[in-house]
Amino acid sequence: MRIAGRTAIVTGASSGIGRETARELAAKSANVVLASRNRAKLEEVAIDLVHLPGRTLVVPTDVTDRLAVEALVRRTLEEFGAVDILVNNAGSGLFAPIASGSIENMRRIFDVNLWGAIHCIQAAVPYMQAQRRGHIVNVSSVAGRFAPPYMGIYAATKHALRAVSDALRNEIAGSGIGVSTVYPGLTQTSFTEAMTQEVPVPHIPPVVRFVPPRVVAQRIASAIRWNLRDVFVSPEDVAAVVGSAMAPHVFDWVARAFMGPQQISDEMTLPRSEAHESYTADAEPGESA
C-alpha cells in the first residue's frame, strides 16, 4: 500500500517503537493518529512531528476499553475521512513464573496485548472493508515464536497475536486489506524497566546487540508498503527463531543459561499489590525482550 496520503492509527505511540513508527509514517506523508493512555506524552510526540509532512492527531486511548477504541476510530474518520492503516503496537511486559505468578497480572497482560489488538481490529476492519483498502500490522515479538523462561505469559500473548494475524489474513482475503506480523527482538527502549517484574530480571550481557526502535519502525513501514506477511528485524532474531525450531533442546539450554537460571522462592516474588501497581504506569512500549 502507498503510505503517502493515507491515515494511520498507531497504538502505544507515546514511546519506543510506537513513537518511531509514528515518525516514520509521518515522514512518508501519512496522517498519523497517536493513541496511548498518556495525553501529555502524546502531545510531546505530536510537537516532535510537527515539522514532518504528515498531519497528526492526538487521541488518548486505553486499548483495553472497547468503547474507547471505537471512539478512537470514529474520531479518526471525523478528522481524516478514512482509516487506512492500523498498527497494533500497544503492549505490556510481564516477567513472572508460570507456576506461582499472579493470575491478576497474567489476565491484565492478555487484556492489553491480545484483547487490546482485537478491539482495534474489530473497530477498524468494517471501515477498511467499506473502503476496499487497508493494512493491519500486529507488533508481536520473537517471543511469539518461542517462550523464554519467566516470560511464558508474555510469550503466550504474542503467540496468540501471531495466530490472530494468520487467521485474519485468510478471513478477509480479497477485501483489499493486508495483514502483517512484525517480530521485534531486543530493542533500545524502556521495555524492561516498564514491565511488571514478579522476580528479578537477569542482567543482559553487554555483548548482546539491541536494535534502535527506528529500525523496527522502518520494518513496519516496509511491511505496509509491500504487504509483507511476516517481518523480522535483525539477523539475531532470525537465528534465534530458526535455532529454537531446529535444535529445541540446545535452545532450551541456552535460554536457561541466558535468563538466569533462577531459584524461585516466595522471598523473590513481589507482593501482589506491588506487581499490580507497576502495570498502572503509562508504559506501552509494544516491543519484546
Protein backbone atom coordinates (compact mmCIF):
# COMPACT_ATOMS: atom_id res chain seq x y z
CA MET A 1 0.00 0.00 0.00
CA ARG A 2 1.17 3.50 -0.80
CA ILE A 3 1.74 5.29 2.52
CA ALA A 4 1.69 8.91 1.39
CA GLY A 5 -1.72 10.46 1.90
CA ARG A 6 -3.05 7.54 3.93
CA THR A 7 -4.30 7.71 7.51
CA ALA A 8 -2.68 5.52 10.16
CA ILE A 9 -3.64 4.75 13.75
CA VAL A 10 -0.64 3.84 15.90
CA THR A 11 -1.34 2.49 19.38
CA GLY A 12 1.29 2.70 22.09
CA ALA A 13 2.54 5.82 20.28
CA SER A 14 3.82 7.64 23.37
CA SER A 15 7.26 5.99 23.36
CA GLY A 16 9.61 3.42 21.88
CA ILE A 17 8.59 1.60 18.74
CA GLY A 18 5.21 3.34 18.60
CA ARG A 19 6.75 6.80 18.68
CA GLU A 20 9.30 5.93 16.00
CA THR A 21 6.62 4.30 13.84
CA ALA A 22 4.54 7.46 14.03
CA ARG A 23 7.60 9.44 12.98
CA GLU A 24 8.38 7.10 10.10
CA LEU A 25 4.83 7.21 8.73
CA ALA A 26 4.51 10.98 9.15
CA ALA A 27 7.82 11.43 7.33
CA LYS A 28 6.30 9.45 4.45
CA SER A 29 3.39 11.94 4.33
CA ALA A 30 0.81 9.82 6.16
CA ASN A 31 -1.71 11.33 8.56
CA VAL A 32 -0.96 9.74 11.93
CA VAL A 33 -3.35 9.29 14.83
CA LEU A 34 -1.38 8.94 18.06
CA ALA A 35 -3.02 6.69 20.64
CA SER A 36 -1.95 5.68 24.15
CA ARG A 37 -3.18 6.36 27.68
CA ASN A 38 -0.91 9.33 28.37
CA ARG A 39 -2.09 12.56 26.77
CA ALA A 40 0.96 14.56 27.89
CA LYS A 41 3.39 12.17 26.23
CA LEU A 42 1.29 12.05 23.08
CA GLU A 43 1.31 15.83 22.90
CA GLU A 44 5.10 15.74 23.13
CA VAL A 45 5.22 13.30 20.23
CA ALA A 46 2.86 15.47 18.18
CA ILE A 47 5.08 18.52 18.74
CA ASP A 48 8.12 16.48 17.73
CA LEU A 49 6.43 15.51 14.46
CA VAL A 50 5.05 18.92 13.55
CA HIS A 51 7.82 19.62 11.01
CA LEU A 52 7.06 16.44 9.04
CA PRO A 53 4.68 16.45 6.06
CA GLY A 54 2.04 14.19 7.61
CA ARG A 55 -0.66 15.62 9.89
CA THR A 56 -1.06 14.28 13.42
CA LEU A 57 -4.00 13.84 15.77
CA VAL A 58 -3.76 13.01 19.48
CA VAL A 59 -6.46 10.68 20.83
CA PRO A 60 -5.74 9.33 24.35
CA THR A 61 -7.00 5.75 24.38
CA ASP A 62 -6.89 2.73 26.66
CA VAL A 63 -6.98 -0.21 24.24
CA THR A 64 -8.47 -2.47 26.93
CA ASP A 65 -11.63 -0.31 26.80
CA ARG A 66 -13.63 -1.40 23.75
CA LEU A 67 -15.79 1.73 23.74
CA ALA A 68 -12.71 3.95 23.90
CA VAL A 69 -11.24 2.14 20.90
CA GLU A 70 -14.45 2.56 18.92
CA ALA A 71 -14.35 6.27 19.78
CA LEU A 72 -10.73 6.40 18.56
CA VAL A 73 -11.75 5.06 15.16
CA ARG A 74 -14.75 7.40 14.90
CA ARG A 75 -12.56 10.39 15.77
CA THR A 76 -10.08 9.34 13.09
CA LEU A 77 -12.84 9.16 10.49
CA GLU A 78 -14.22 12.54 11.53
CA GLU A 79 -10.79 14.18 11.15
CA PHE A 80 -9.40 12.42 8.10
CA GLY A 81 -12.30 10.58 6.46
CA ALA A 82 -10.58 7.19 6.37
CA VAL A 83 -8.78 4.54 8.37
CA ASP A 84 -6.17 3.04 6.07
CA ILE A 85 -3.50 1.67 8.41
CA LEU A 86 -3.72 0.19 11.90
CA VAL A 87 -0.52 -0.51 13.82
CA ASN A 88 -1.32 -2.59 16.90
CA ASN A 89 1.73 -1.76 18.96
CA ALA A 90 0.39 -1.10 22.47
CA GLY A 91 1.66 -3.73 24.86
CA SER A 92 2.86 -4.55 28.35
CA GLY A 93 5.53 -6.93 29.61
CA LEU A 94 5.49 -9.49 32.41
CA PHE A 95 8.43 -11.34 33.93
CA ALA A 96 6.93 -13.98 36.21
CA PRO A 97 6.92 -17.74 36.84
CA ILE A 98 4.04 -19.73 35.39
CA ALA A 99 3.51 -21.97 38.43
CA SER A 100 3.36 -19.25 41.08
CA GLY A 101 2.77 -15.99 39.26
CA SER A 102 -0.07 -13.55 39.84
CA ILE A 103 -3.20 -14.53 37.91
CA GLU A 104 -4.29 -10.90 38.04
CA ASN A 105 -1.12 -9.81 36.24
CA MET A 106 -1.48 -12.59 33.70
CA ARG A 107 -5.04 -11.57 32.88
CA ARG A 108 -4.03 -7.93 32.63
CA ILE A 109 -1.32 -8.60 30.07
CA PHE A 110 -3.77 -10.59 27.94
CA ASP A 111 -6.20 -7.67 28.17
CA VAL A 112 -3.59 -5.26 26.83
CA ASN A 113 -1.54 -7.33 24.40
CA LEU A 114 -4.24 -9.53 22.88
CA TRP A 115 -7.70 -8.12 23.59
CA GLY A 116 -6.48 -4.58 23.00
CA ALA A 117 -5.38 -5.56 19.49
CA ILE A 118 -8.65 -7.39 18.84
CA HIS A 119 -10.65 -4.36 19.96
CA CYS A 120 -8.74 -2.23 17.44
CA ILE A 121 -9.14 -4.78 14.64
CA GLN A 122 -12.88 -5.14 15.16
CA ALA A 123 -13.34 -1.35 15.27
CA ALA A 124 -11.26 -0.64 12.14
CA VAL A 125 -11.90 -3.54 9.77
CA PRO A 126 -15.52 -2.68 8.83
CA TYR A 127 -14.39 0.73 7.59
CA MET A 128 -11.43 -0.76 5.74
CA GLN A 129 -13.77 -3.26 4.08
CA ALA A 130 -16.09 -0.45 3.00
CA GLN A 131 -13.09 1.40 1.52
CA ARG A 132 -11.78 -1.79 -0.13
CA ARG A 133 -8.32 -0.96 1.17
CA GLY A 134 -6.35 -1.08 4.38
CA HIS A 135 -3.41 -2.62 6.16
CA ILE A 136 -3.09 -4.01 9.69
CA VAL A 137 0.24 -4.50 11.41
CA ASN A 138 0.31 -6.56 14.58
CA VAL A 139 3.53 -6.00 16.52
CA SER A 140 4.28 -9.40 18.02
CA SER A 141 7.76 -10.37 19.25
CA VAL A 142 10.40 -13.00 18.68
CA ALA A 143 8.88 -14.32 21.91
CA GLY A 144 5.87 -15.03 19.72
CA ARG A 145 7.91 -17.81 18.12
CA PHE A 146 9.36 -19.35 21.30
CA ALA A 147 8.94 -18.81 25.04
CA PRO A 148 11.89 -17.74 27.25
CA PRO A 149 11.84 -18.69 30.95
CA TYR A 150 9.69 -16.39 33.11
CA MET A 151 8.25 -14.76 30.01
CA GLY A 152 5.78 -17.54 29.25
CA ILE A 153 2.62 -15.46 29.68
CA TYR A 154 4.05 -12.54 27.72
CA ALA A 155 5.10 -15.02 25.01
CA ALA A 156 1.62 -16.57 25.07
CA THR A 157 0.06 -13.19 24.24
CA LYS A 158 2.49 -12.75 21.36
CA HIS A 159 1.92 -16.30 20.08
CA ALA A 160 -1.80 -15.51 20.19
CA LEU A 161 -1.28 -12.29 18.25
CA ARG A 162 0.55 -14.24 15.56
CA ALA A 163 -2.39 -16.66 15.35
CA VAL A 164 -4.83 -13.76 15.09
CA SER A 165 -2.83 -12.31 12.20
CA ASP A 166 -2.69 -15.61 10.31
CA ALA A 167 -6.40 -16.34 10.69
CA LEU A 168 -7.48 -12.76 9.95
CA ARG A 169 -5.38 -12.66 6.78
CA ASN A 170 -7.33 -15.56 5.34
CA GLU A 171 -10.71 -14.46 6.67
CA ILE A 172 -10.53 -11.09 4.89
CA ALA A 173 -8.62 -12.23 1.80
CA GLY A 174 -9.82 -10.45 -1.31
CA SER A 175 -11.09 -7.42 0.62
CA GLY A 176 -8.09 -5.25 -0.21
CA ILE A 177 -6.81 -5.40 3.38
CA GLY A 178 -3.30 -6.66 4.10
CA VAL A 179 -2.17 -8.15 7.41
CA SER A 180 1.43 -8.20 8.62
CA THR A 181 3.04 -9.56 11.76
CA VAL A 182 6.28 -7.93 12.93
CA TYR A 183 8.59 -9.74 15.35
CA PRO A 184 10.99 -7.35 17.13
CA GLY A 185 13.67 -8.74 19.39
CA LEU A 186 15.84 -6.83 21.86
CA THR A 187 15.14 -3.15 21.26
CA GLN A 188 16.60 0.03 22.76
CA THR A 189 13.56 1.11 24.75
CA SER A 190 12.38 1.24 28.35
CA PHE A 191 10.54 -2.07 27.96
CA THR A 192 12.45 -3.95 30.68
CA GLU A 193 12.13 -1.11 33.17
CA ALA A 194 8.41 -0.72 32.46
CA MET A 195 7.46 -4.39 32.58
CA THR A 196 5.88 -5.96 35.64
CA GLN A 197 8.61 -7.93 37.42
CA GLU A 198 7.47 -10.55 39.89
CA VAL A 199 11.01 -11.97 40.01
CA PRO A 200 14.31 -10.21 39.26
CA VAL A 201 15.18 -9.81 35.59
CA PRO A 202 18.67 -11.16 34.85
CA HIS A 203 21.38 -8.81 33.65
CA ILE A 204 21.77 -8.87 29.88
CA PRO A 205 25.43 -9.26 28.81
CA PRO A 206 26.91 -6.13 27.18
CA VAL A 207 27.86 -8.14 24.08
CA VAL A 208 24.17 -8.57 23.20
CA ARG A 209 23.10 -6.15 20.49
CA PHE A 210 19.98 -4.03 20.94
CA VAL A 211 18.25 -2.65 17.85
CA PRO A 212 17.22 1.03 17.75
CA PRO A 213 13.44 1.45 17.65
CA ARG A 214 13.68 3.41 14.40
CA VAL A 215 14.90 0.23 12.69
CA VAL A 216 11.77 -1.58 13.84
CA ALA A 217 9.69 1.36 12.62
CA GLN A 218 11.33 1.15 9.20
CA ARG A 219 10.48 -2.53 9.00
CA ILE A 220 6.88 -1.76 9.93
CA ALA A 221 6.71 0.82 7.14
CA SER A 222 8.15 -1.73 4.69
CA ALA A 223 5.54 -4.28 5.77
CA ILE A 224 2.80 -1.79 4.96
CA ARG A 225 4.31 -0.64 1.67
CA TRP A 226 4.96 -4.12 0.29
CA ASN A 227 2.25 -6.11 2.09
CA LEU A 228 4.77 -8.37 3.80
CA ARG A 229 3.37 -11.33 5.73
CA ASP A 230 5.97 -11.92 8.48
CA VAL A 231 8.72 -9.44 9.24
CA PHE A 232 11.81 -9.95 11.39
CA VAL A 233 14.09 -7.12 12.36
CA SER A 234 17.64 -8.41 12.82
CA PRO A 235 19.75 -11.42 11.83
CA GLU A 236 19.99 -12.34 15.51
CA ASP A 237 16.20 -12.54 15.72
CA VAL A 238 16.05 -14.85 12.71
CA ALA A 239 18.84 -17.02 14.14
CA ALA A 240 17.00 -17.34 17.46
CA VAL A 241 13.77 -18.42 15.78
CA VAL A 242 15.50 -20.89 13.47
CA GLY A 243 17.61 -22.27 16.32
CA SER A 244 14.59 -22.83 18.55
CA ALA A 245 12.86 -24.76 15.76
CA MET A 246 15.80 -26.86 14.56
CA ALA A 247 17.54 -27.61 17.87
CA PRO A 248 14.95 -27.12 20.62
CA HIS A 249 16.88 -28.93 23.36
CA VAL A 250 20.01 -26.89 22.71
CA PHE A 251 17.93 -23.74 22.56
CA ASP A 252 16.28 -24.60 25.88
CA TRP A 253 19.72 -24.96 27.49
CA VAL A 254 20.85 -21.60 26.05
CA ALA A 255 17.61 -19.93 27.19
CA ARG A 256 18.06 -21.21 30.74
CA ALA A 257 21.65 -20.01 30.80
CA PHE A 258 20.79 -16.64 29.29
CA MET A 259 17.81 -15.95 31.55
CA GLY A 260 19.47 -16.99 34.82
CA PRO A 261 18.62 -19.61 35.76
CA GLN A 262 16.94 -18.53 38.99
CA GLN A 263 15.71 -20.31 42.07
CA ILE A 264 12.17 -19.08 42.59
CA SER A 265 11.04 -18.61 46.17
CA ASP A 266 8.36 -16.66 47.98
CA GLU A 267 11.01 -14.14 49.04
CA MET A 268 11.85 -13.34 45.41
CA THR A 269 8.26 -12.74 44.40
CA LEU A 270 6.92 -9.20 44.63
CA PRO A 271 3.77 -8.69 46.70
CA ARG A 272 0.66 -8.94 44.54
CA SER A 273 -0.28 -5.29 45.10
CA GLU A 274 3.21 -4.05 44.16
CA ALA A 275 3.25 -6.11 40.99
CA HIS A 276 -0.15 -4.78 40.02
CA GLU A 277 0.93 -1.18 40.63
CA SER A 278 3.72 -1.49 38.10
CA TYR A 279 1.08 -2.21 35.48
CA THR A 280 -0.70 1.06 36.13
CA ALA A 281 2.25 3.13 34.94
CA ASP A 282 1.75 4.54 31.46
CA ALA A 283 4.23 2.44 29.55
CA GLU A 284 3.09 0.96 26.27
CA PRO A 285 6.33 0.02 24.53
CA GLY A 286 4.94 -2.77 22.41
CA GLU A 287 8.34 -4.32 21.84
CA SER A 288 9.78 -7.52 23.15
CA ALA A 289 12.71 -8.56 25.22
